[in-house]
Amino acid sequence: MVSWASYCLNRAKNYSFQGVIEKAYYEKPKQIPYITINGKEYSLTYMNYNDYDTIVAGDYAIKKPGAFKFKLIKQKK
């Protein structure tokens, strides 16, 4: 039987997305970020990114399957 944590880690590792972040919000109290790209929501709970609190709608994100890292390109102001 697979544990819930293991399931969540594998699911996050297999995420694949690329596009403009349409929506970004933070679940309280832990400030866990969630983003929406192309109409699909992703939890960034298990992703490696240092500045979670800087993710906003309009930024561009790229995540390849098989990794826990993703690339964030900030929108030009």
C-alpha atoms as a PDB file:
ATOM      1  CA  MET A   1       0.000   0.000   0.000  1.00  0.00           C
ATOM      2  CA  VAL A   2       1.365   3.403  -0.982  1.00  0.00           C
ATOM      3  CA  SER A   3       1.366   6.160   1.612  1.00  0.00           C
ATOM      4  CA  TRP A   4      -0.456   9.425   0.986  1.00  0.00           C
ATOM      5  CA  ALA A   5       2.824  11.399   1.125  1.00  0.00           C
ATOM      6  CA  SER A   6       4.412   9.093  -1.439  1.00  0.00           C
ATOM      7  CA  TYR A   7       1.378   9.449  -3.695  1.00  0.00           C
ATOM      8  CA  CYS A   8       1.526  13.262  -3.460  1.00  0.00           C
ATOM      9  CA  LEU A   9       5.263  13.331  -4.155  1.00  0.00           C
ATOM     10  CA  ASN A  10       4.886  11.147  -7.247  1.00  0.00           C
ATOM     11  CA  ARG A  11       1.966  13.207  -8.480  1.00  0.00           C
ATOM     12  CA  ALA A  12       3.919  16.461  -8.089  1.00  0.00           C
ATOM     13  CA  LYS A  13       6.987  14.922  -9.727  1.00  0.00           C
ATOM     14  CA  ASN A  14       4.912  13.989 -12.765  1.00  0.00           C
ATOM     15  CA  TYR A  15       3.345  17.437 -13.188  1.00  0.00           C
ATOM     16  CA  SER A  16       4.019  18.951 -16.570  1.00  0.00           C
ATOM     17  CA  PHE A  17       3.009  22.519 -17.295  1.00  0.00           C
ATOM     18  CA  GLN A  18       4.097  25.484 -19.353  1.00  0.00           C
ATOM     19  CA  GLY A  19       2.280  28.754 -19.686  1.00  0.00           C
ATOM     20  CA  VAL A  20       1.104  31.970 -18.156  1.00  0.00           C
ATOM     21  CA  ILE A  21      -0.169  31.680 -14.595  1.00  0.00           C
ATOM     22  CA  GLU A  22      -3.834  32.624 -14.781  1.00  0.00           C
ATOM     23  CA  LYS A  23      -4.431  32.531 -11.036  1.00  0.00           C
ATOM     24  CA  ALA A  24      -2.203  32.229  -7.969  1.00  0.00           C
ATOM     25  CA  TYR A  25      -3.351  31.934  -4.367  1.00  0.00           C
ATOM     26  CA  TYR A  26      -1.890  30.825  -1.060  1.00  0.00           C
ATOM     27  CA  GLU A  27      -3.482  28.320   1.291  1.00  0.00           C
ATOM     28  CA  LYS A  28      -3.279  29.448   4.897  1.00  0.00           C
ATOM     29  CA  PRO A  29      -1.839  28.968   7.484  1.00  0.00           C
ATOM     30  CA  LYS A  30       1.209  27.456   5.775  1.00  0.00           C
ATOM     31  CA  GLN A  31       1.100  29.771   2.725  1.00  0.00           C
ATOM     32  CA  ILE A  32       1.240  26.853   0.291  1.00  0.00           C
ATOM     33  CA  PRO A  33       0.960  28.230  -3.251  1.00  0.00           C
ATOM     34  CA  TYR A  34      -1.510  26.997  -5.843  1.00  0.00           C
ATOM     35  CA  ILE A  35      -1.366  28.112  -9.463  1.00  0.00           C
ATOM     36  CA  THR A  36      -3.667  27.718 -12.442  1.00  0.00           C
ATOM     37  CA  ILE A  37      -2.217  27.294 -15.942  1.00  0.00           C
ATOM     38  CA  ASN A  38      -4.378  26.555 -18.984  1.00  0.00           C
ATOM     39  CA  GLY A  39      -7.378  26.053 -16.704  1.00  0.00           C
ATOM     40  CA  LYS A  40      -5.707  23.370 -14.556  1.00  0.00           C
ATOM     41  CA  GLU A  41      -4.775  23.933 -10.908  1.00  0.00           C
ATOM     42  CA  TYR A  42      -1.445  22.765  -9.462  1.00  0.00           C
ATOM     43  CA  SER A  43      -0.356  22.623  -5.826  1.00  0.00           C
ATOM     44  CA  LEU A  44       3.276  23.637  -5.401  1.00  0.00           C
ATOM     45  CA  THR A  45       3.533  21.966  -1.992  1.00  0.00           C
ATOM     46  CA  TYR A  46       6.320  19.581  -3.005  1.00  0.00           C
ATOM     47  CA  MET A  47       8.085  21.831  -5.529  1.00  0.00           C
ATOM     48  CA  ASN A  48      11.522  23.340  -4.957  1.00  0.00           C
ATOM     49  CA  TYR A  49      11.308  27.101  -5.279  1.00  0.00           C
ATOM     50  CA  ASN A  50      12.797  29.660  -2.906  1.00  0.00           C
ATOM     51  CA  ASP A  51      10.493  32.636  -3.390  1.00  0.00           C
ATOM     52  CA  TYR A  52       7.010  31.155  -3.256  1.00  0.00           C
ATOM     53  CA  ASP A  53       5.544  34.440  -2.056  1.00  0.00           C
ATOM     54  CA  THR A  54       6.569  36.180  -5.287  1.00  0.00           C
ATOM     55  CA  ILE A  55       4.396  34.048  -7.598  1.00  0.00           C
ATOM     56  CA  VAL A  56       1.568  36.076  -9.104  1.00  0.00           C
ATOM     57  CA  ALA A  57      -0.887  35.832 -11.985  1.00  0.00           C
ATOM     58  CA  GLY A  58       0.792  36.887 -15.213  1.00  0.00           C
ATOM     59  CA  ASP A  59       4.102  35.139 -14.470  1.00  0.00           C
ATOM     60  CA  TYR A  60       5.192  32.325 -16.791  1.00  0.00           C
ATOM     61  CA  ALA A  61       5.956  28.865 -15.336  1.00  0.00           C
ATOM     62  CA  ILE A  62       7.597  25.796 -16.852  1.00  0.00           C
ATOM     63  CA  LYS A  63       7.693  22.356 -15.203  1.00  0.00           C
ATOM     64  CA  LYS A  64       8.924  19.198 -16.904  1.00  0.00           C
ATOM     65  CA  PRO A  65       7.834  15.743 -15.672  1.00  0.00           C
ATOM     66  CA  GLY A  66      10.331  13.880 -13.490  1.00  0.00           C
ATOM     67  CA  ALA A  67      11.596  16.885 -11.534  1.00  0.00           C
ATOM     68  CA  PHE A  68      10.580  18.748  -8.400  1.00  0.00           C
ATOM     69  CA  LYS A  69      11.897  22.050  -9.733  1.00  0.00           C
ATOM     70  CA  PHE A  70      10.135  24.454 -12.012  1.00  0.00           C
ATOM     71  CA  LYS A  71      11.188  27.627 -13.754  1.00  0.00           C
ATOM     72  CA  LEU A  72       9.369  30.876 -13.071  1.00  0.00           C
ATOM     73  CA  ILE A  73       9.725  33.836 -15.429  1.00  0.00           C
ATOM     74  CA  LYS A  74       8.440  37.009 -13.833  1.00  0.00           C
ATOM     75  CA  GLN A  75       6.128  39.243 -15.823  1.00  0.00           C
ATOM     76  CA  LYS A  76       7.607  42.506 -17.028  1.00  0.00           C
ATOM     77  CA  LYS A  77       6.365  45.516 -15.141  1.00  0.00           C
END
